[in-house]
Amino acid sequence: MRILLLAHSFNSLTQRLFAELAARGHDLSVEFDIADSVTEEAVSLFRPDVVLAPYLKRAIPEAVWRQVVCLVVHPGIEGDRGPSALDWAISKGEVSWGVTVLQANAEMDAGDVWASVEFPMRAARKSSLYRFEVTEAALRAVLLALDRLFLPGFRPQPLDYGRRDLRGRPQPPMRQADRRIDWERDDMATVIAKIRAADGDPGLLDEVEGLPCYLYDAHPEATLRGVAPGSLIARRAGAILRATRDGAVWITHLRLAGGPGPGRCKLPATMVLGARADELPEAPVDDFSPADCSTWHDLWYEEDGTVAYLHFDFYNGAMSTGQCERLRHAFAQATRRPTRVIVLMGGQDFWSNGIDLNVIEAAESPADESWRNINAIDDVALALLTCGSHLTVAALQGNTAAGGVFLALAADQVWARDGAVLNPHYKNMGNLYGSEYWSYSLPRRLGWEAGQRIMQRRFPLLAREAAKVGLIDACLGTEGSFVDEVRARARALAADPGLAALLADKSERRASDERLRPLAAHRAEELARMQRNFYGFDSSYHIARYNFVNKIPHSWTPRHLAVHRSGNRFASPEAAA
């Protein structure tokens, strides 16, 4: 089937649907929703059997939906309408929610229903629900709808608010007035729910120490308390602790109110507050200790017999210079423990997306901070590559991109959750060359030519496809079973009588590779190219980074996605490898 994906941007849901549909053999192209005339032209050029809209912010033009079946993915239950579906569901404490695929017509979200799939809600950020529950339900609903397109006698269900079983209703856009926190009256659970409902976009507008800013990523605190609701209590790892009437909440990120500009992207809260935060007392926790559910951690360690687990749940998968240094220090400590296997778990939403572009953008010298950050993440990769005492595993629970993919490849084995999406390339960020020793670890797995094809392909790669071509070692379970499967496999590895021989073979291969070409030579070559990206005459990296962190919409669809404009047909992962 010829399917045109029409989307505001190539976001996580659009990427997952693209990769899943490509794996099923559909002929795909993508067009960003820039203007009606552009969409109409795309349909004329590609001549799709169906237009699929996973992520739109405005209506599909009538000239298109009258010409071809247009299926819109709405993140709400059947009957729900409006742009703030998930926001309202979280705020109202819905126990279950869903995704509906409906046919575009003259009224937004009011077309005939082709499929609807529900899921149980989870206490989590809106962005996290979107990446997991919404994405999985959307995939099921889209596949069901596409099957029904050619099912003899099937007719989509008109939206009928007279049905007693129809729970969904039209809802207005959620405004900042609806989200407002009343610090004197709202309890901790309410404050967290309000911030979570706004997470990702748009954030919750508030004032912190008189500074208008948006709040992101809230977590409960069970022990520390403040004097006055809304007041600041402490700081930790870039986050601030703020009092509520019955407790306190950790808020990890803020964004200054106002338009794009230096320091107006999402940043660690203490960076935004500056001197206001410097006066707060530190409330440190030991990174090399088990997670304490009574407080917030972004890095923690645990042991299960002879298996060690290192969790680093960095917001949006971005790893700043300081976070890389903390992770490297914790890993070094882990290698000194009497364990046999170290599993790097990353976070639930992301394993890693590489260097922290937001922190870099806000730096006095973005080029200098880029250089510090890439060296810091290279140091983590080097520690993994040269670890001779343990077998190392990268366990990818969530999506992974750019430098994060290649950091994972520095481990001895890479296991990913079925449904996780990998983006093993750097080129979309201003044609970055990339580092993290990819020039060593990628050819080691695929060979140089196949590795280059994967890098140049610039398409999302499903975990199961990555395992099939040999980029990773295993694709395991689903969201619910992945961690259990990782633990079972890790225990089996640690108990394997042949592990000592595996470690000896690993050290021998590393020594052989080092004689062939030292890791220092790989790093020097990569960083020489990166230095040109950061400091050279070509400013494309700095422009791409600015547009990315400030969410500047694309003015055209990249040609590798809009194959109807480039003339290049999408290549499968097998062909690329």
Protein backbone atom coordinates (compact mmCIF):
# COMPACT_ATOMS: atom_id res chain seq x y z
CA MET A 1 0.00 0.00 0.00
CA ARG A 2 1.21 3.52 -0.77
CA ILE A 3 0.98 5.53 2.44
CA LEU A 4 1.81 9.21 2.83
CA LEU A 5 2.53 10.16 6.44
CA LEU A 6 1.46 13.75 7.03
CA ALA A 7 2.83 15.13 10.31
CA HIS A 8 3.79 18.35 12.07
CA SER A 9 7.23 16.82 12.66
CA PHE A 10 8.95 13.43 12.62
CA ASN A 11 8.21 12.83 16.30
CA SER A 12 8.49 9.57 18.24
CA LEU A 13 5.02 8.29 17.26
CA THR A 14 5.51 9.14 13.59
CA GLN A 15 8.90 7.40 13.63
CA ARG A 16 7.47 4.25 15.23
CA LEU A 17 4.60 4.05 12.73
CA PHE A 18 6.97 4.74 9.83
CA ALA A 19 9.33 1.96 10.92
CA GLU A 20 6.54 -0.55 11.63
CA LEU A 21 4.79 0.10 8.31
CA ALA A 22 8.08 -0.09 6.42
CA ALA A 23 8.82 -3.45 8.07
CA ARG A 24 5.46 -4.67 6.74
CA GLY A 25 6.42 -3.78 3.18
CA HIS A 26 4.33 -0.65 2.60
CA ASP A 27 5.55 2.03 0.18
CA LEU A 28 6.05 5.12 2.35
CA SER A 29 6.78 8.80 2.06
CA VAL A 30 6.57 11.65 4.58
CA GLU A 31 5.44 15.26 4.24
CA PHE A 32 5.55 17.83 7.03
CA ASP A 33 2.36 19.84 7.44
CA ILE A 34 3.77 23.21 6.42
CA ALA A 35 0.97 24.65 4.23
CA ASP A 36 -2.15 23.39 2.46
CA SER A 37 -0.53 23.88 -0.95
CA VAL A 38 2.48 21.80 0.10
CA THR A 39 0.24 18.97 1.30
CA GLU A 40 -1.80 19.07 -1.89
CA GLU A 41 1.37 18.93 -3.96
CA ALA A 42 2.67 15.96 -1.96
CA VAL A 43 -0.54 14.01 -2.60
CA SER A 44 -0.32 14.86 -6.29
CA LEU A 45 3.30 13.71 -6.50
CA PHE A 46 3.07 10.52 -4.41
CA ARG A 47 -0.52 9.47 -5.29
CA PRO A 48 -1.03 7.56 -2.03
CA ASP A 49 -3.72 4.97 -1.35
CA VAL A 50 -4.15 6.57 2.06
CA VAL A 51 -2.87 9.60 3.96
CA LEU A 52 -1.99 8.79 7.57
CA ALA A 53 -1.73 11.72 10.00
CA PRO A 54 -0.11 10.62 13.30
CA TYR A 55 0.68 14.09 14.63
CA LEU A 56 -1.02 17.24 13.35
CA LYS A 57 -1.70 20.64 14.84
CA ARG A 58 -4.25 21.78 12.23
CA ALA A 59 -6.85 20.37 9.85
CA ILE A 60 -6.08 18.52 6.63
CA PRO A 61 -7.16 20.63 3.63
CA GLU A 62 -10.52 19.73 2.10
CA ALA A 63 -8.96 19.33 -1.35
CA VAL A 64 -6.97 16.41 0.09
CA TRP A 65 -9.51 14.58 2.26
CA ARG A 66 -12.09 14.69 -0.53
CA GLN A 67 -9.56 13.14 -2.93
CA VAL A 68 -8.05 10.36 -0.79
CA VAL A 69 -8.91 8.58 2.46
CA CYS A 70 -7.17 10.48 5.29
CA LEU A 71 -6.80 8.68 8.61
CA VAL A 72 -6.07 10.85 11.65
CA VAL A 73 -4.54 9.37 14.81
CA HIS A 74 -6.14 11.06 17.83
CA PRO A 75 -4.69 10.37 21.33
CA GLY A 76 -8.10 10.09 22.94
CA ILE A 77 -10.92 7.61 23.44
CA GLU A 78 -13.72 7.37 20.91
CA GLY A 79 -15.79 10.57 21.02
CA ASP A 80 -13.00 12.66 22.56
CA ARG A 81 -12.23 15.77 20.56
CA GLY A 82 -9.77 18.62 20.96
CA PRO A 83 -6.00 19.22 21.02
CA SER A 84 -5.48 18.54 24.75
CA ALA A 85 -6.80 14.99 25.00
CA LEU A 86 -4.01 13.50 27.07
CA ASP A 87 -3.62 16.64 29.18
CA TRP A 88 -7.25 16.43 30.33
CA ALA A 89 -7.05 12.65 30.87
CA ILE A 90 -4.12 13.04 33.28
CA SER A 91 -5.63 16.06 35.04
CA LYS A 92 -8.97 14.32 35.57
CA GLY A 93 -7.34 11.14 36.82
CA GLU A 94 -8.79 8.90 34.11
CA VAL A 95 -8.25 5.24 34.88
CA SER A 96 -8.22 4.21 31.23
CA TRP A 97 -7.70 6.14 28.02
CA GLY A 98 -7.18 5.33 24.38
CA VAL A 99 -6.30 6.17 20.80
CA THR A 100 -8.81 6.61 17.99
CA VAL A 101 -8.18 6.48 14.25
CA LEU A 102 -10.81 8.52 12.44
CA GLN A 103 -11.38 9.74 8.92
CA ALA A 104 -10.69 13.41 8.25
CA ASN A 105 -13.65 15.53 7.25
CA ALA A 106 -14.77 19.16 7.54
CA GLU A 107 -14.78 19.10 11.36
CA MET A 108 -11.69 18.41 13.49
CA ASP A 109 -11.75 15.00 15.22
CA ALA A 110 -15.37 14.41 14.19
CA GLY A 111 -14.94 11.98 11.31
CA ASP A 112 -16.04 8.36 11.07
CA VAL A 113 -14.13 6.00 13.37
CA TRP A 114 -12.04 3.27 11.75
CA ALA A 115 -10.50 1.88 14.94
CA SER A 116 -10.22 2.63 18.64
CA VAL A 117 -7.91 0.97 21.19
CA GLU A 118 -7.93 1.63 24.94
CA PHE A 119 -5.20 1.20 27.56
CA PRO A 120 -4.90 1.53 31.37
CA MET A 121 -3.47 4.85 32.51
CA ARG A 122 -0.19 5.02 34.42
CA ALA A 123 0.97 7.68 36.89
CA ALA A 124 3.54 9.31 34.63
CA ARG A 125 4.44 12.39 32.61
CA LYS A 126 2.35 13.11 29.53
CA SER A 127 5.43 12.65 27.34
CA SER A 128 6.11 9.23 28.87
CA LEU A 129 2.52 8.05 28.38
CA TYR A 130 2.73 9.28 24.79
CA ARG A 131 5.93 7.33 24.06
CA PHE A 132 4.65 4.09 25.56
CA GLU A 133 0.90 3.55 26.04
CA VAL A 134 -0.27 5.98 23.36
CA THR A 135 2.29 4.78 20.82
CA GLU A 136 1.49 1.09 21.37
CA ALA A 137 -2.26 1.72 21.17
CA ALA A 138 -1.81 3.91 18.10
CA LEU A 139 0.14 1.17 16.31
CA ARG A 140 -2.58 -1.39 17.02
CA ALA A 141 -5.32 1.01 15.95
CA VAL A 142 -3.54 2.05 12.74
CA LEU A 143 -2.86 -1.54 11.69
CA LEU A 144 -6.48 -2.41 12.39
CA ALA A 145 -7.72 0.57 10.38
CA LEU A 146 -5.46 -0.24 7.42
CA ASP A 147 -6.69 -3.83 7.41
CA ARG A 148 -10.29 -2.60 7.44
CA LEU A 149 -9.72 -0.33 4.45
CA PHE A 150 -9.86 -3.37 2.19
CA LEU A 151 -12.20 -5.51 4.26
CA PRO A 152 -15.29 -6.24 2.15
CA GLY A 153 -18.42 -4.78 3.65
CA PHE A 154 -16.66 -2.85 6.45
CA ARG A 155 -17.91 0.66 7.06
CA PRO A 156 -16.37 3.07 9.56
CA GLN A 157 -18.58 4.03 12.52
CA PRO A 158 -20.05 7.56 12.44
CA LEU A 159 -19.49 9.51 15.64
CA ASP A 160 -22.79 9.33 17.55
CA TYR A 161 -23.00 11.11 20.90
CA GLY A 162 -26.35 9.46 21.47
CA ARG A 163 -24.65 6.14 22.20
CA ARG A 164 -24.73 5.27 25.89
CA ASP A 165 -21.37 3.51 25.75
CA LEU A 166 -19.58 6.53 24.27
CA ARG A 167 -17.47 8.08 27.06
CA GLY A 168 -15.57 10.65 25.04
CA ARG A 169 -16.78 14.21 24.62
CA PRO A 170 -15.48 17.37 22.91
CA GLN A 171 -13.01 19.18 25.14
CA PRO A 172 -11.57 22.68 24.81
CA PRO A 173 -7.84 23.32 24.51
CA MET A 174 -6.26 23.27 27.95
CA ARG A 175 -5.03 26.77 28.76
CA GLN A 176 -2.48 27.84 31.34
CA ALA A 177 -5.38 29.07 33.50
CA ASP A 178 -6.63 25.46 33.64
CA ARG A 179 -3.20 24.24 34.67
CA ARG A 180 -2.44 26.89 37.28
CA ILE A 181 -1.06 25.65 40.59
CA ASP A 182 -2.57 27.09 43.76
CA TRP A 183 0.36 26.47 46.08
CA GLU A 184 -1.70 27.29 49.18
CA ARG A 185 -4.46 24.81 48.38
CA ASP A 186 -3.11 22.12 46.04
CA ASP A 187 -1.61 19.06 47.69
CA MET A 188 1.53 17.33 46.46
CA ALA A 189 -0.34 14.80 44.29
CA THR A 190 -2.31 17.58 42.57
CA VAL A 191 0.82 19.64 41.89
CA ILE A 192 2.59 16.64 40.38
CA ALA A 193 -0.43 15.73 38.22
CA LYS A 194 -0.69 19.28 36.89
CA ILE A 195 3.00 19.42 35.96
CA ARG A 196 2.89 15.94 34.43
CA ALA A 197 -0.15 16.86 32.33
CA ALA A 198 1.85 19.69 30.74
CA ASP A 199 5.13 17.84 30.35
CA GLY A 200 6.81 17.95 26.98
CA ASP A 201 4.67 20.73 25.58
CA PRO A 202 3.70 23.37 26.67
CA GLY A 203 4.98 23.06 30.25
CA LEU A 204 3.20 24.59 33.24
CA LEU A 205 3.57 28.35 33.53
CA ASP A 206 4.37 29.54 37.04
CA GLU A 207 6.69 31.86 38.95
CA VAL A 208 9.75 30.61 40.81
CA GLU A 209 11.29 33.21 43.10
CA GLY A 210 9.54 35.89 41.03
CA LEU A 211 10.85 34.50 37.74
CA PRO A 212 8.14 33.57 35.17
CA CYS A 213 8.97 30.13 33.77
CA TYR A 214 7.51 26.80 32.71
CA LEU A 215 7.86 23.76 35.00
CA TYR A 216 8.72 20.23 33.83
CA ASP A 217 9.30 16.78 35.28
CA ALA A 218 7.94 16.64 38.85
CA HIS A 219 8.67 13.91 41.42
CA PRO A 220 7.43 13.37 45.00
CA GLU A 221 9.59 13.89 48.09
CA ALA A 222 8.59 11.98 51.23
CA THR A 223 10.98 13.33 53.86
CA LEU A 224 12.11 16.92 53.36
CA ARG A 225 9.66 19.72 54.12
CA GLY A 226 9.47 23.48 53.63
CA VAL A 227 7.97 26.29 55.67
CA ALA A 228 5.67 27.96 53.12
CA PRO A 229 3.90 26.31 50.14
CA GLY A 230 5.67 27.27 46.93
CA SER A 231 8.96 28.13 48.63
CA LEU A 232 12.26 26.54 47.61
CA ILE A 233 13.80 24.06 50.01
CA ALA A 234 16.88 22.47 48.44
CA ARG A 235 18.70 21.53 45.25
CA ARG A 236 20.14 18.30 43.86
CA ALA A 237 21.77 17.39 40.53
CA GLY A 238 20.26 20.42 38.78
CA ALA A 239 16.78 19.95 40.26
CA ILE A 240 15.00 22.09 42.86
CA LEU A 241 12.79 20.98 45.74
CA ARG A 242 9.66 23.06 46.24
CA ALA A 243 7.28 22.93 49.19
CA THR A 244 3.60 22.02 48.90
CA ARG A 245 1.00 22.35 51.63
CA ASP A 246 1.45 18.69 52.57
CA GLY A 247 4.98 17.85 51.42
CA ALA A 248 7.38 18.77 48.64
CA VAL A 249 8.07 18.10 44.96
CA TRP A 250 11.28 17.87 42.98
CA ILE A 251 11.18 19.81 39.71
CA THR A 252 14.07 18.92 37.43
CA HIS A 253 13.67 21.36 34.52
CA LEU A 254 12.48 24.90 33.85
CA ARG A 255 12.11 27.07 30.76
CA LEU A 256 12.08 30.85 30.94
CA ALA A 257 8.84 32.36 29.68
CA GLY A 258 9.20 34.18 26.38
CA GLY A 259 10.22 33.38 22.83
CA PRO A 260 13.30 31.53 21.56
CA GLY A 261 16.68 32.81 22.61
CA PRO A 262 19.69 32.07 24.80
CA GLY A 263 18.65 30.31 27.98
CA ARG A 264 14.99 30.03 26.94
CA CYS A 265 14.99 26.31 26.21
CA LYS A 266 14.33 23.55 28.77
CA LEU A 267 17.24 23.46 31.19
CA PRO A 268 18.09 22.00 34.59
CA ALA A 269 16.20 24.12 37.09
CA THR A 270 19.27 25.41 38.91
CA MET A 271 20.76 26.66 35.63
CA VAL A 272 17.66 28.75 34.96
CA LEU A 273 17.50 30.15 38.49
CA GLY A 274 21.23 30.90 38.70
CA ALA A 275 22.08 32.82 41.88
CA ARG A 276 18.59 32.17 43.27
CA ALA A 277 19.43 28.45 43.37
CA ASP A 278 23.02 28.88 44.51
CA GLU A 279 21.80 29.93 47.94
CA LEU A 280 19.79 26.72 48.42
CA PRO A 281 21.27 23.93 50.54
CA GLU A 282 22.37 20.78 48.75
CA ALA A 283 20.36 17.63 49.46
CA PRO A 284 22.74 15.07 47.97
CA VAL A 285 22.13 11.39 47.43
CA ASP A 286 24.87 8.88 46.68
CA ASP A 287 24.77 7.95 42.98
CA PHE A 288 26.37 4.65 43.93
CA SER A 289 23.51 3.44 46.09
CA PRO A 290 20.14 1.73 45.60
CA ALA A 291 17.23 3.95 44.55
CA ASP A 292 15.25 5.34 47.47
CA CYS A 293 11.57 5.56 46.48
CA SER A 294 11.02 8.33 49.02
CA THR A 295 13.04 10.81 46.99
CA TRP A 296 14.12 11.61 43.44
CA HIS A 297 17.23 10.14 41.81
CA ASP A 298 18.44 10.37 38.21
CA LEU A 299 21.35 7.94 38.76
CA TRP A 300 21.50 4.92 41.04
CA TYR A 301 23.14 1.52 41.48
CA GLU A 302 21.85 -1.87 42.61
CA GLU A 303 23.19 -5.41 42.95
CA ASP A 304 21.51 -8.76 42.53
CA GLY A 305 24.01 -11.41 43.46
CA THR A 306 26.85 -11.14 40.95
CA VAL A 307 24.94 -8.81 38.62
CA ALA A 308 25.20 -5.02 38.94
CA TYR A 309 22.66 -2.61 37.49
CA LEU A 310 23.43 1.03 36.78
CA HIS A 311 20.36 3.19 36.14
CA PHE A 312 20.69 6.68 34.62
CA ASP A 313 17.29 8.22 34.02
CA PHE A 314 18.33 11.56 32.52
CA TYR A 315 15.47 13.78 31.36
CA ASN A 316 14.71 13.23 27.65
CA GLY A 317 17.81 11.05 27.40
CA ALA A 318 20.13 14.05 27.14
CA MET A 319 23.50 13.64 28.87
CA SER A 320 25.26 16.84 29.90
CA THR A 321 28.96 17.08 30.66
CA GLY A 322 28.28 16.80 34.40
CA GLN A 323 25.95 13.81 33.98
CA CYS A 324 28.51 11.99 31.83
CA GLU A 325 31.13 12.56 34.50
CA ARG A 326 28.82 11.24 37.23
CA LEU A 327 27.96 8.17 35.14
CA ARG A 328 31.62 7.44 34.41
CA HIS A 329 32.46 7.73 38.12
CA ALA A 330 29.60 5.40 39.10
CA PHE A 331 30.65 2.88 36.44
CA ALA A 332 34.22 2.94 37.71
CA GLN A 333 32.94 2.20 41.21
CA ALA A 334 30.81 -0.64 39.84
CA THR A 335 33.84 -2.29 38.25
CA ARG A 336 35.46 -2.51 41.69
CA ARG A 337 32.59 -4.57 43.12
CA PRO A 338 32.72 -8.40 43.33
CA THR A 339 30.17 -8.83 40.55
CA ARG A 340 30.59 -10.44 37.13
CA VAL A 341 28.11 -8.59 34.87
CA ILE A 342 27.27 -4.88 34.76
CA VAL A 343 23.98 -3.93 33.08
CA LEU A 344 23.55 -0.29 32.09
CA MET A 345 19.79 0.26 32.25
CA GLY A 346 19.51 3.91 31.19
CA GLY A 347 16.02 5.24 31.93
CA GLN A 348 12.54 3.99 31.18
CA ASP A 349 11.75 6.58 28.50
CA PHE A 350 15.21 6.75 26.90
CA TRP A 351 18.48 4.89 27.22
CA SER A 352 20.42 7.87 25.92
CA ASN A 353 20.15 10.44 23.15
CA GLY A 354 23.75 11.59 23.42
CA ILE A 355 25.02 15.03 24.37
CA ASP A 356 22.70 17.61 25.96
CA LEU A 357 21.93 20.09 23.19
CA ASN A 358 19.83 22.33 25.47
CA VAL A 359 22.62 22.84 27.99
CA ILE A 360 25.00 23.44 25.11
CA GLU A 361 22.68 26.03 23.56
CA ALA A 362 22.48 27.94 26.85
CA ALA A 363 26.25 27.97 27.41
CA GLU A 364 28.29 31.16 27.10
CA SER A 365 30.19 29.41 24.30
CA PRO A 366 28.11 26.60 22.74
CA ALA A 367 31.15 25.46 20.76
CA ASP A 368 33.25 25.09 23.93
CA GLU A 369 30.45 23.30 25.78
CA SER A 370 29.90 20.99 22.79
CA TRP A 371 33.60 20.11 22.98
CA ARG A 372 33.48 19.46 26.74
CA ASN A 373 30.31 17.38 26.40
CA ILE A 374 31.53 15.19 23.54
CA ASN A 375 34.77 14.48 25.39
CA ALA A 376 32.85 13.61 28.56
CA ILE A 377 30.59 11.11 26.77
CA ASP A 378 33.62 9.71 24.95
CA ASP A 379 35.17 9.06 28.36
CA VAL A 380 32.12 6.97 29.31
CA ALA A 381 32.38 5.01 26.06
CA LEU A 382 36.10 4.45 26.65
CA ALA A 383 35.43 3.10 30.14
CA LEU A 384 32.99 0.58 28.66
CA LEU A 385 35.26 -0.44 25.81
CA THR A 386 38.26 -1.03 28.09
CA CYS A 387 36.46 -2.75 30.96
CA GLY A 388 38.23 -6.09 31.36
CA SER A 389 36.83 -7.09 34.74
CA HIS A 390 33.17 -7.51 33.82
CA LEU A 391 30.90 -8.41 30.96
CA THR A 392 28.91 -5.26 30.16
CA VAL A 393 25.36 -5.06 28.80
CA ALA A 394 23.45 -2.05 27.51
CA ALA A 395 19.73 -2.70 28.16
CA LEU A 396 17.69 -0.29 26.05
CA GLN A 397 14.29 0.09 27.70
CA GLY A 398 13.34 3.14 25.65
CA ASN A 399 14.21 4.90 22.42
CA THR A 400 17.86 5.70 21.72
CA ALA A 401 19.37 8.13 19.23
CA ALA A 402 22.59 9.55 17.84
CA GLY A 403 25.47 9.35 20.33
CA GLY A 404 23.32 7.26 22.67
CA VAL A 405 23.19 4.41 20.14
CA PHE A 406 26.96 4.38 19.78
CA LEU A 407 27.52 4.68 23.50
CA ALA A 408 25.40 1.52 23.85
CA LEU A 409 27.51 -0.22 21.20
CA ALA A 410 30.55 0.29 23.44
CA ALA A 411 29.10 -2.41 25.73
CA ASP A 412 29.84 -6.09 25.11
CA GLN A 413 26.19 -6.88 24.47
CA VAL A 414 23.20 -4.72 23.56
CA TRP A 415 19.65 -5.82 24.34
CA ALA A 416 16.66 -3.65 23.37
CA ARG A 417 12.96 -3.73 24.14
CA ASP A 418 10.73 -4.81 21.28
CA GLY A 419 9.10 -1.56 20.17
CA ALA A 420 12.07 0.63 21.02
CA VAL A 421 13.25 2.81 18.14
CA LEU A 422 16.92 3.47 17.39
CA ASN A 423 18.28 6.32 15.29
CA PRO A 424 21.90 5.29 14.59
CA HIS A 425 23.09 8.43 12.85
CA TYR A 426 24.15 12.03 13.52
CA LYS A 427 23.56 13.74 10.18
CA ASN A 428 20.19 15.26 11.06
CA MET A 429 21.94 17.52 13.57
CA GLY A 430 23.71 19.76 11.07
CA ASN A 431 25.63 16.90 9.46
CA LEU A 432 27.61 16.10 12.61
CA TYR A 433 30.37 13.54 12.11
CA GLY A 434 29.82 11.92 15.51
CA SER A 435 32.09 10.35 18.10
CA GLU A 436 31.62 7.89 21.01
CA TYR A 437 34.13 5.64 19.17
CA TRP A 438 31.53 4.75 16.54
CA SER A 439 34.31 4.32 13.95
CA TYR A 440 35.49 1.36 16.05
CA SER A 441 32.32 -0.15 17.51
CA LEU A 442 30.08 0.04 14.43
CA PRO A 443 32.45 -1.67 11.96
CA ARG A 444 33.22 -4.21 14.69
CA ARG A 445 29.60 -5.32 14.46
CA LEU A 446 28.64 -4.73 10.82
CA GLY A 447 31.81 -4.08 8.85
CA TRP A 448 32.76 -0.65 7.53
CA GLU A 449 30.58 -0.49 4.40
CA ALA A 450 27.39 -1.80 6.03
CA GLY A 451 27.99 0.49 9.01
CA GLN A 452 28.33 3.48 6.70
CA ARG A 453 25.07 2.59 4.96
CA ILE A 454 23.27 2.44 8.32
CA MET A 455 24.72 5.86 9.25
CA GLN A 456 23.79 7.47 5.93
CA ARG A 457 20.31 5.94 5.83
CA ARG A 458 19.01 8.39 8.49
CA PHE A 459 15.80 6.47 9.17
CA PRO A 460 14.45 5.12 12.47
CA LEU A 461 15.26 1.49 13.09
CA LEU A 462 13.07 -0.87 15.11
CA ALA A 463 14.86 -2.92 17.76
CA ARG A 464 13.83 -6.15 16.07
CA GLU A 465 15.24 -4.91 12.75
CA ALA A 466 18.44 -3.80 14.47
CA ALA A 467 18.82 -7.30 15.92
CA LYS A 468 18.11 -8.87 12.53
CA VAL A 469 20.93 -6.96 10.81
CA GLY A 470 23.35 -7.48 13.70
CA LEU A 471 23.53 -3.94 15.03
CA ILE A 472 22.38 -5.18 18.46
CA ASP A 473 22.45 -8.62 20.03
CA ALA A 474 18.86 -9.22 21.10
CA CYS A 475 15.34 -7.81 20.97
CA LEU A 476 13.44 -8.78 24.10
CA GLY A 477 9.90 -8.70 25.41
CA THR A 478 7.70 -5.65 25.58
CA GLU A 479 7.37 -2.70 27.93
CA GLY A 480 5.89 -4.91 30.67
CA SER A 481 8.26 -7.88 30.41
CA PHE A 482 11.54 -6.36 29.21
CA VAL A 483 13.13 -5.64 32.59
CA ASP A 484 12.25 -9.13 33.90
CA GLU A 485 13.79 -10.71 30.81
CA VAL A 486 16.92 -8.57 31.17
CA ARG A 487 17.33 -9.64 34.78
CA ALA A 488 16.84 -13.30 33.94
CA ARG A 489 19.36 -13.20 31.08
CA ALA A 490 21.87 -11.21 33.16
CA ARG A 491 21.65 -13.74 36.01
CA ALA A 492 22.19 -16.57 33.52
CA LEU A 493 25.25 -14.79 32.08
CA ALA A 494 26.74 -14.23 35.52
CA ALA A 495 26.17 -17.87 36.46
CA ASP A 496 27.62 -19.23 33.20
CA PRO A 497 30.70 -21.36 33.97
CA GLY A 498 32.16 -20.15 30.69
CA LEU A 499 32.09 -16.49 31.67
CA ALA A 500 35.77 -16.44 32.66
CA ALA A 501 36.65 -17.70 29.18
CA LEU A 502 34.40 -15.05 27.64
CA LEU A 503 36.19 -12.33 29.59
CA ALA A 504 39.58 -13.70 28.61
CA ASP A 505 38.52 -13.77 24.95
CA LYS A 506 37.20 -10.24 25.26
CA SER A 507 40.56 -8.99 26.63
CA GLU A 508 42.47 -10.82 23.91
CA ARG A 509 40.30 -9.32 21.15
CA ARG A 510 40.63 -5.84 22.67
CA ALA A 511 44.43 -6.21 22.76
CA SER A 512 44.46 -7.41 19.17
CA ASP A 513 42.28 -4.52 18.03
CA GLU A 514 44.47 -2.08 19.94
CA ARG A 515 47.56 -3.32 18.09
CA LEU A 516 45.74 -2.96 14.79
CA ARG A 517 44.57 0.58 15.52
CA PRO A 518 44.55 2.15 19.00
CA LEU A 519 41.31 3.53 20.41
CA ALA A 520 43.15 6.83 20.83
CA ALA A 521 43.52 7.02 17.05
CA HIS A 522 39.79 6.45 16.53
CA ARG A 523 38.99 9.16 19.04
CA ALA A 524 41.48 11.62 17.60
CA GLU A 525 40.07 11.22 14.10
CA GLU A 526 36.46 11.54 15.23
CA LEU A 527 37.18 14.59 17.37
CA ALA A 528 39.15 16.28 14.61
CA ARG A 529 36.02 16.08 12.45
CA MET A 530 33.79 17.17 15.35
CA GLN A 531 36.08 20.13 16.03
CA ARG A 532 35.34 21.36 12.52
CA ASN A 533 31.60 20.92 13.21
CA PHE A 534 31.90 22.97 16.40
CA TYR A 535 34.46 25.62 15.42
CA GLY A 536 34.66 25.56 11.63
CA PHE A 537 33.19 27.85 8.98
CA ASP A 538 30.17 25.59 8.40
CA SER A 539 27.59 26.70 10.97
CA SER A 540 24.99 24.04 10.10
CA TYR A 541 25.39 22.23 13.44
CA HIS A 542 24.79 25.44 15.42
CA ILE A 543 21.77 26.36 13.28
CA ALA A 544 20.28 22.86 13.52
CA ARG A 545 20.84 22.78 17.29
CA TYR A 546 19.19 26.20 17.76
CA ASN A 547 16.17 25.13 15.71
CA PHE A 548 15.91 21.82 17.56
CA VAL A 549 16.06 23.11 21.12
CA ASN A 550 13.76 26.06 20.38
CA LYS A 551 11.30 23.87 18.44
CA ILE A 552 11.49 26.00 15.29
CA PRO A 553 9.21 24.32 12.72
CA HIS A 554 10.73 22.98 9.53
CA SER A 555 10.29 25.14 6.47
CA TRP A 556 10.50 22.06 4.23
CA THR A 557 10.50 18.29 4.58
CA PRO A 558 13.96 16.67 4.53
CA ARG A 559 14.39 14.93 1.20
CA HIS A 560 15.36 11.59 2.70
CA LEU A 561 11.85 11.47 4.20
CA ALA A 562 9.93 13.06 1.29
CA VAL A 563 10.86 10.41 -1.24
CA HIS A 564 8.11 11.72 -3.55
CA ARG A 565 10.24 14.86 -3.94
CA SER A 566 13.72 13.31 -3.98
CA GLY A 567 13.03 10.37 -6.25
CA ASN A 568 14.87 8.05 -3.83
CA ARG A 569 12.90 5.03 -2.72
CA PHE A 570 13.02 4.08 0.96
CA ALA A 571 15.57 1.33 1.57
CA SER A 572 14.83 -1.40 4.10
CA PRO A 573 17.21 -1.96 7.03
CA GLU A 574 18.31 -5.28 5.50
CA ALA A 575 19.22 -3.54 2.27
CA ALA A 576 21.04 -0.80 4.16
CA ALA A 577 23.09 -3.30 6.13
